Each structure stands twice: as structure tokens, then as C-alpha cells.
């Protein structure tokens, strides 16, 4: 099959996106090479390995292994890289801020890299609670390599994040043996049961306002305001979400805006008023400003 060509919008930088995907962390769910990224995804319930490169004004997607469904593959890649978004309104807001306007040129074309699978996004945010990012990636790898589907290509193993049905069937001790805390093990299993039982789904949250979606999520044990906003930001691309309590966000604001290390909620809200409807992108670019020093889940 000929490679799939997916047009990219203006204000898009594949290299900036690759940088973000390859920040010296051991992510088991994709592999960044010199000018491409390989990822295993589920297409029609079958593991499908794709390689993405940029070819002029397009992303070139090659299906290496698995199911060929051009529409679904393009939908996933577009959602992952947030290709449908016009960033000019956001950049216009950045130029009005003397401390942040450098981001328009320095990070030009960086997209809000998503996690299209809501279950994965919630699990990832819970895995990373109150631990450093390097250890969080180790825990994710242990979980994924043990319970996720695998495909091997050129002597490299590629994985899908474990299905909710599988995690829902586990005992707490099985996760504790991987160095998950008791609480995190309980939270992951409980959230998996919500998905496997149909109590929670991405489709369900998409039908709700962001405020109602946050309320629904925080009613589940283990999901707080930060986790809810993170998941909605990364999976549903709700741009009004702010990751309150985020260490990386606070460090960036301290460095760039001289905010205190633990700013008041009202001061954060005042700051984000200048970026109304682009709050999530503002958070994302503030994370980017920390470069490899980041210790917050992204």
C-alpha cells in the first residue's frame, strides 16, 4: 500500500512535536527515530503499527503491520497531533504578554500532544501522582509490558496500553508487586471497572460540558481536580482546562512570571483570564518552557 498522506495545518512543527515525544523519558508506547515516530494503535480491534514522517506539507503515514483503515488511522493521528486546530488566535494572545511572547517563535508549531484513549489518560495521570516522571514511566512500562498487547518489528517490541477489562480483573497485590502503592493499585482497578462496566466512557464525557465532566470524574475515587482536568485536556482536548496543583505549571510561572511556588487560586485564574479558551495550550507551552527539567506529568 502507498503511504497515507495527511495534510498538516499552518503553524505546525513536526520537529517540535517529536521533541516533546522524546524528552529522554522511557516511553513504552511510541519510539521516536531521527525524523519519524513509530506507534502501535488499535484499528478495528487489531494492533496496527504505523510510522509517521513529514513530507513537505503532509504527514506521511506508513502502515507497517496490521489493519489498513485509512479513515481511522488519519483520525487517530489528527487527534494525537491536534491537527484540526488553528493556532493563530493563541499566538495572538501570547504576543500580548511580554514574558511569554517569545514562545510564538521559539515553540512555533508545537501542538498539544494528546492521549486519545481516555482510559490511558486517566491511568497515566494516576500513575504519576506524587512521584517523579522517570519513575512514573517505569511503572507505566511494567504495567504495559505485562498486560498490553505486543507486536515486534525490527527486533523492537511495540505495545498497546492494557485494556480496561484486563486491569479490572487484577488483584491489588499484582500491581503492588510492580511497585505500585496500595492506593494507586486500588484506583487503577476501580477506574478500569468503571470503563469495563460501561459506567464511564469517552463518548459519555464528550456529551457533557467541561464543568459537568469534571464533576463526574472527581466523583470517582482516585480522581481529583488535577487528574480530571489533565485527562480532559489531553484526551478530549478541552482547552479551558487548567491543571491546578501542577508542579510543572507552578515552576514555569515562578520562572517566567515570578509567581510564588504555590500561587493562590485567584491569582492563577487572573493570569489565565488573558488566555481564555486557550488555557490548556498555555499550560502546555509553559510545560515546554521547562525543557528537560520537567518533573510534572505531561
Protein backbone atom coordinates (compact mmCIF):
# COMPACT_ATOMS: atom_id res chain seq x y z
CA UNK A 1 0.00 0.00 0.00
CA UNK A 2 1.16 3.52 -0.75
CA UNK A 3 1.77 5.71 2.33
CA UNK A 4 -1.18 7.73 3.60
CA UNK A 5 -0.73 11.49 3.21
CA UNK A 6 -2.38 13.66 5.85
CA UNK A 7 -2.19 17.44 5.24
CA UNK A 8 -0.77 19.49 8.09
CA UNK A 9 -2.11 22.93 9.03
CA UNK A 10 -0.17 26.19 9.21
CA UNK A 11 1.66 26.71 12.48
CA UNK A 12 2.69 23.06 12.66
CA UNK A 13 6.17 21.82 13.53
CA UNK A 14 6.76 18.09 13.34
CA UNK A 15 10.19 18.56 14.90
CA UNK A 16 8.75 20.40 17.92
CA UNK A 17 6.22 17.61 18.36
CA UNK A 18 8.93 14.95 18.05
CA UNK A 19 10.98 16.80 20.66
CA UNK A 20 8.09 16.67 23.06
CA UNK A 21 7.56 12.95 22.42
CA UNK A 22 11.24 12.22 23.00
CA UNK A 23 12.32 14.15 26.10
CA UNK A 24 14.75 11.48 27.36
CA UNK A 25 11.98 9.58 29.11
CA UNK A 26 11.45 5.86 28.57
CA UNK A 27 8.01 5.88 26.98
CA UNK A 28 6.95 2.37 26.02
CA UNK A 29 4.05 3.46 23.80
CA UNK A 30 5.97 5.00 20.92
CA UNK A 31 9.50 5.17 19.52
CA UNK A 32 10.98 8.37 18.13
CA UNK A 33 13.65 7.97 15.47
CA UNK A 34 15.66 10.68 13.72
CA UNK A 35 12.79 12.12 11.69
CA UNK A 36 9.86 9.85 12.46
CA UNK A 37 7.81 8.28 15.21
CA UNK A 38 6.53 4.69 15.33
CA UNK A 39 3.41 3.84 17.29
CA UNK A 40 1.19 0.83 17.79
CA UNK A 41 -2.51 1.62 17.80
CA UNK A 42 -5.71 -0.37 17.80
CA UNK A 43 -7.57 -0.27 14.46
CA UNK A 44 -10.80 -2.24 14.33
CA UNK A 45 -9.66 -4.08 17.48
CA UNK A 46 -6.42 -5.15 15.79
CA UNK A 47 -2.93 -3.90 16.73
CA UNK A 48 -1.57 -1.79 13.89
CA UNK A 49 1.96 -0.37 13.74
CA UNK A 50 2.43 2.90 11.89
CA UNK A 51 5.40 5.13 11.16
CA UNK A 52 4.84 8.87 10.77
CA UNK A 53 7.18 11.23 8.91
CA UNK A 54 6.76 14.68 7.43
CA UNK A 55 6.77 15.01 3.66
CA UNK A 56 6.51 18.66 2.63
CA UNK A 57 3.03 19.87 3.66
CA UNK A 58 1.84 16.43 4.75
CA UNK A 59 2.39 13.82 7.36
CA UNK A 60 3.30 10.58 5.62
CA UNK A 61 1.86 7.58 7.44
CA UNK A 62 3.11 4.11 6.58
CA UNK A 63 1.23 1.09 7.86
CA UNK A 64 3.95 -1.38 8.78
CA UNK A 65 1.91 -4.12 10.43
CA UNK A 66 -1.77 -4.75 10.95
CA UNK A 67 -5.11 -3.35 9.80
CA UNK A 68 -5.28 -0.80 6.99
CA UNK A 69 -8.17 1.58 7.58
CA UNK A 70 -7.13 4.97 6.25
CA UNK A 71 -10.02 6.89 7.80
CA UNK A 72 -9.46 5.57 11.32
CA UNK A 73 -5.69 5.89 11.15
CA UNK A 74 -5.94 9.51 9.96
CA UNK A 75 -8.47 10.26 12.69
CA UNK A 76 -6.12 8.91 15.35
CA UNK A 77 -3.07 10.81 14.05
CA UNK A 78 -5.06 14.03 13.66
CA UNK A 79 -6.34 13.72 17.22
CA UNK A 80 -2.90 12.79 18.60
CA UNK A 81 -1.22 15.83 16.99
CA UNK A 82 -4.25 18.14 17.27
CA UNK A 83 -4.09 18.90 13.56
CA UNK A 84 -7.54 20.48 13.25
CA UNK A 85 -6.60 23.46 15.42
CA UNK A 86 -5.83 26.95 14.12
CA UNK A 87 -3.17 28.27 16.49
CA UNK A 88 -3.17 31.87 15.28
CA UNK A 89 -5.68 33.09 17.92
CA UNK A 90 -3.50 31.56 20.62
CA UNK A 91 -0.34 33.10 19.22
CA UNK A 92 -2.02 36.49 19.08
CA UNK A 93 -2.75 36.20 22.81
CA UNK A 94 0.83 35.18 23.55
CA UNK A 95 2.20 38.23 21.74
CA UNK A 96 0.31 40.45 24.19
CA UNK A 97 2.27 39.03 27.13
CA UNK A 98 5.79 40.46 27.37
CA UNK A 99 7.06 37.44 29.29
CA UNK A 100 5.56 34.76 27.08
CA UNK A 101 5.61 36.23 23.59
CA UNK A 102 8.98 34.55 22.86
CA UNK A 103 7.07 31.24 22.77
CA UNK A 104 5.47 32.15 19.44
CA UNK A 105 8.82 31.89 17.69
CA UNK A 106 10.70 29.50 19.98
CA UNK A 107 7.96 26.86 20.14
CA UNK A 108 6.24 27.73 16.88
CA UNK A 109 4.09 24.88 15.64
CA UNK A 110 4.13 22.84 18.83
CA UNK A 111 0.80 21.07 19.15
CA UNK A 112 -0.98 19.86 22.26
CA UNK A 113 0.08 16.22 22.02
CA UNK A 114 -2.89 14.22 23.14
CA UNK A 115 -3.73 10.83 24.60
CA UNK A 116 -6.77 9.84 22.54
CA UNK A 117 -7.61 6.89 24.83
CA UNK A 118 -9.37 8.37 27.88
CA UNK A 119 -8.73 5.27 29.98
CA UNK A 120 -5.00 5.53 29.26
CA UNK A 121 -5.00 9.26 30.04
CA UNK A 122 -6.64 8.71 33.43
CA UNK A 123 -4.36 5.79 34.31
CA UNK A 124 -1.27 7.75 33.30
CA UNK A 125 -2.22 10.72 35.46
CA UNK A 126 -2.86 8.44 38.44
CA UNK A 127 0.40 6.56 37.90
CA UNK A 128 2.29 9.86 38.04
CA UNK A 129 0.70 11.24 41.19
CA UNK A 130 3.30 12.32 43.79
CA UNK A 131 6.27 10.61 42.13
CA UNK A 132 8.90 11.87 39.70
CA UNK A 133 8.36 11.49 35.99
CA UNK A 134 11.16 8.97 35.40
CA UNK A 135 9.70 6.52 37.94
CA UNK A 136 6.21 7.09 36.54
CA UNK A 137 7.42 5.97 33.11
CA UNK A 138 8.99 2.87 34.67
CA UNK A 139 5.68 1.94 36.29
CA UNK A 140 3.82 2.52 33.03
CA UNK A 141 6.29 0.28 31.20
CA UNK A 142 5.91 -2.53 33.74
CA UNK A 143 2.13 -2.34 33.53
CA UNK A 144 2.10 -2.15 29.73
CA UNK A 145 4.66 -4.87 29.07
CA UNK A 146 2.85 -7.24 31.43
CA UNK A 147 -0.75 -6.66 30.36
CA UNK A 148 -0.69 -4.85 26.99
CA UNK A 149 -0.74 -6.37 23.50
CA UNK A 150 2.61 -6.56 21.74
CA UNK A 151 3.90 -6.51 18.18
CA UNK A 152 7.57 -6.92 17.24
CA UNK A 153 9.20 -5.09 14.34
CA UNK A 154 12.93 -4.95 13.54
CA UNK A 155 13.72 -6.59 16.89
CA UNK A 156 11.81 -3.87 18.77
CA UNK A 157 8.67 -4.57 20.79
CA UNK A 158 5.76 -2.15 20.44
CA UNK A 159 2.84 -2.14 22.88
CA UNK A 160 -0.76 -1.09 23.26
CA UNK A 161 -1.81 0.26 26.63
CA UNK A 162 -3.64 -2.50 28.54
CA UNK A 163 -7.39 -2.75 28.04
CA UNK A 164 -9.67 -1.73 30.89
CA UNK A 165 -11.13 -5.24 31.04
CA UNK A 166 -7.72 -6.70 31.82
CA UNK A 167 -6.82 -4.19 34.55
CA UNK A 168 -10.31 -4.56 36.04
CA UNK A 169 -9.68 -8.27 36.59
CA UNK A 170 -6.44 -7.81 38.54
CA UNK A 171 -5.88 -8.11 42.26
CA UNK A 172 -4.27 -5.23 44.14
CA UNK A 173 -1.29 -7.42 45.03
CA UNK A 174 -0.45 -7.96 41.37
CA UNK A 175 0.08 -4.24 40.91
CA UNK A 176 1.84 -3.83 44.25
CA UNK A 177 4.37 -6.40 43.04
CA UNK A 178 5.26 -3.88 40.31
CA UNK A 179 5.88 -1.21 42.98
CA UNK A 180 2.51 0.48 42.70
CA UNK A 181 1.30 1.78 46.04
CA UNK A 182 -1.79 0.14 47.51
CA UNK A 183 -3.86 3.25 46.86
CA UNK A 184 -2.76 3.59 43.23
CA UNK A 185 -3.41 -0.09 42.60
CA UNK A 186 -6.91 0.28 44.03
CA UNK A 187 -7.58 3.42 41.99
CA UNK A 188 -6.43 1.88 38.70
CA UNK A 189 -8.53 -1.23 39.20
CA UNK A 190 -11.59 0.78 40.23
CA UNK A 191 -11.34 3.10 37.23
CA UNK A 192 -10.84 0.10 34.93
CA UNK A 193 -14.04 -1.41 36.30
CA UNK A 194 -15.91 1.82 35.56
CA UNK A 195 -14.83 1.54 31.92
CA UNK A 196 -15.35 -2.19 31.56
CA UNK A 197 -18.82 -1.96 33.13
CA UNK A 198 -19.85 0.93 30.90
CA UNK A 199 -20.20 3.37 33.80
CA UNK A 200 -17.64 5.68 32.20
CA UNK A 201 -16.55 6.28 28.61
CA UNK A 202 -15.05 8.97 26.43
CA UNK A 203 -18.29 9.22 24.44
CA UNK A 204 -20.19 9.83 27.66
CA UNK A 205 -17.93 12.72 28.71
CA UNK A 206 -17.95 14.24 25.23
CA UNK A 207 -21.68 14.84 25.65
CA UNK A 208 -21.15 16.84 28.86
CA UNK A 209 -19.96 20.37 29.48
CA UNK A 210 -16.43 20.59 30.83
CA UNK A 211 -17.75 21.57 34.26
CA UNK A 212 -20.07 18.56 34.39
CA UNK A 213 -17.37 16.26 33.03
CA UNK A 214 -15.02 17.34 35.81
CA UNK A 215 -17.75 16.72 38.40
CA UNK A 216 -18.40 13.25 37.03
CA UNK A 217 -14.73 12.34 37.10
CA UNK A 218 -13.92 13.67 40.57
CA UNK A 219 -16.79 11.62 41.97
CA UNK A 220 -14.67 8.54 41.22
CA UNK A 221 -12.21 7.50 43.92
CA UNK A 222 -8.64 8.38 42.98
CA UNK A 223 -9.56 11.17 40.57
CA UNK A 224 -9.05 14.68 41.86
CA UNK A 225 -9.33 18.04 40.16
CA UNK A 226 -5.84 17.85 38.64
CA UNK A 227 -6.39 14.37 37.21
CA UNK A 228 -9.79 15.29 35.79
CA UNK A 229 -8.52 18.45 34.10
CA UNK A 230 -5.42 16.67 32.79
CA UNK A 231 -7.44 13.85 31.23
CA UNK A 232 -9.99 16.22 29.69
CA UNK A 233 -7.19 18.40 28.33
CA UNK A 234 -5.19 15.52 26.84
CA UNK A 235 -7.96 13.18 25.70
CA UNK A 236 -10.95 15.38 24.90
CA UNK A 237 -8.87 18.48 24.10
CA UNK A 238 -10.99 20.69 26.32
CA UNK A 239 -8.93 23.86 26.01
CA UNK A 240 -10.46 25.62 29.03
CA UNK A 241 -8.90 23.09 31.42
CA UNK A 242 -6.19 24.17 33.85
CA UNK A 243 -4.15 21.60 35.79
CA UNK A 244 -4.47 23.26 39.18
CA UNK A 245 -1.90 21.89 41.62
CA UNK A 246 0.55 21.02 38.84
CA UNK A 247 4.19 21.32 39.94
CA UNK A 248 5.47 21.91 36.41
CA UNK A 249 2.94 24.65 35.77
CA UNK A 250 3.82 26.39 39.03
CA UNK A 251 7.56 26.12 38.37
CA UNK A 252 7.12 27.67 34.94
CA UNK A 253 5.02 30.54 36.30
CA UNK A 254 7.57 31.11 39.04
CA UNK A 255 10.36 31.30 36.50
CA UNK A 256 8.61 33.38 33.85
CA UNK A 257 6.10 35.46 35.84
CA UNK A 258 7.68 35.48 39.30
CA UNK A 259 4.67 33.72 40.82
CA UNK A 260 5.19 32.14 44.25
CA UNK A 261 5.95 28.42 44.23
CA UNK A 262 2.42 27.77 45.47
CA UNK A 263 0.28 30.51 43.92
CA UNK A 264 -3.21 31.35 45.08
CA UNK A 265 -6.09 30.03 43.02
CA UNK A 266 -7.42 33.55 42.42
CA UNK A 267 -4.04 34.68 41.08
CA UNK A 268 -3.93 31.72 38.69
CA UNK A 269 -7.43 32.48 37.49
CA UNK A 270 -6.49 36.12 36.93
CA UNK A 271 -3.47 35.05 34.87
CA UNK A 272 -5.46 32.61 32.73
CA UNK A 273 -8.17 35.21 32.02
CA UNK A 274 -5.78 36.62 29.42
CA UNK A 275 -5.78 33.25 27.66
CA UNK A 276 -9.49 32.47 27.78
CA UNK A 277 -10.43 29.40 25.70
CA UNK A 278 -6.71 28.63 25.31
CA UNK A 279 -5.87 27.75 28.91
CA UNK A 280 -4.78 24.18 28.11
CA UNK A 281 -2.43 25.33 25.36
CA UNK A 282 -0.99 27.92 27.72
CA UNK A 283 -0.33 25.20 30.28
CA UNK A 284 1.26 23.03 27.59
CA UNK A 285 3.59 25.79 26.40
CA UNK A 286 4.51 26.61 29.99
CA UNK A 287 5.48 22.94 30.45
CA UNK A 288 7.54 23.24 27.27
CA UNK A 289 9.42 26.19 28.78
CA UNK A 290 10.83 23.90 31.45
CA UNK A 291 12.57 21.73 28.84
CA UNK A 292 14.25 18.62 30.28
CA UNK A 293 13.91 19.92 33.85
CA UNK A 294 10.26 18.91 33.87
CA UNK A 295 9.06 16.86 36.82
CA UNK A 296 5.35 17.14 36.15
CA UNK A 297 3.24 14.61 34.31
CA UNK A 298 2.66 15.56 30.70
